[in-house]
Amino acid sequence: MLFLVAALLLLGVVLGTVAHAPLTFTVVAAAVIAAWLGIFALRERHGRRHHTSIH
């Protein structure tokens, strides 16, 4: 019984608020974060490719 309580507590800590949020909200938030990270990566790659270093 103690193992079950510890496992559920660990699962709650790992999942955090995602476990309590609706699935549609979680999917939309994940898509927004993925798009933001993708745009950031593209801007960084584009900026480093066209920026010459003086060092």
Protein backbone atom coordinates (compact mmCIF):
# COMPACT_ATOMS: atom_id res chain seq x y z
CA MET A 1 0.00 0.00 0.00
CA LEU A 2 2.84 2.38 0.82
CA PHE A 3 4.42 1.65 -2.58
CA LEU A 4 1.15 2.57 -4.30
CA VAL A 5 0.94 5.86 -2.40
CA ALA A 6 4.57 6.70 -3.23
CA ALA A 7 4.03 5.82 -6.91
CA LEU A 8 0.93 8.02 -7.15
CA LEU A 9 2.71 10.88 -5.40
CA LEU A 10 5.65 10.61 -7.80
CA LEU A 11 3.28 10.48 -10.78
CA GLY A 12 1.52 13.60 -9.56
CA VAL A 13 4.80 15.46 -9.16
CA VAL A 14 6.07 14.37 -12.58
CA LEU A 15 2.89 15.23 -14.47
CA GLY A 16 2.16 18.40 -12.56
CA THR A 17 -0.76 20.45 -13.76
CA VAL A 18 -0.94 18.67 -17.12
CA ALA A 19 -2.71 15.83 -15.39
CA HIS A 20 -5.45 18.21 -14.26
CA ALA A 21 -5.77 20.20 -17.49
CA PRO A 22 -8.17 19.14 -20.24
CA LEU A 23 -6.63 17.19 -23.13
CA THR A 24 -7.49 19.86 -25.70
CA PHE A 25 -5.75 22.54 -23.64
CA THR A 26 -2.69 20.33 -23.25
CA VAL A 27 -2.50 19.64 -27.00
CA VAL A 28 -2.93 23.33 -27.91
CA ALA A 29 -0.32 24.40 -25.36
CA ALA A 30 2.11 21.77 -26.64
CA ALA A 31 1.57 22.93 -30.24
CA VAL A 32 2.15 26.57 -29.29
CA ILE A 33 5.35 25.72 -27.41
CA ALA A 34 6.59 23.54 -30.29
CA ALA A 35 5.92 26.32 -32.82
CA TRP A 36 7.66 28.89 -30.61
CA LEU A 37 10.71 26.64 -30.23
CA GLY A 38 10.77 25.96 -33.97
CA ILE A 39 10.64 29.67 -34.83
CA PHE A 40 13.35 30.38 -32.26
CA ALA A 41 15.58 27.66 -33.72
CA LEU A 42 15.10 28.97 -37.26
CA ARG A 43 15.88 32.55 -36.20
CA GLU A 44 19.00 31.43 -34.34
CA ARG A 45 20.22 29.36 -37.29
CA HIS A 46 19.50 32.21 -39.73
CA GLY A 47 21.18 34.78 -37.46
CA ARG A 48 24.34 32.73 -36.97
CA ARG A 49 24.64 31.90 -40.65
CA HIS A 50 24.51 35.53 -41.82
CA HIS A 51 26.40 37.07 -38.90
CA THR A 52 30.16 37.28 -39.28
CA SER A 53 32.26 37.05 -36.16
CA ILE A 54 34.95 39.68 -35.56
CA HIS A 55 36.83 37.49 -33.06
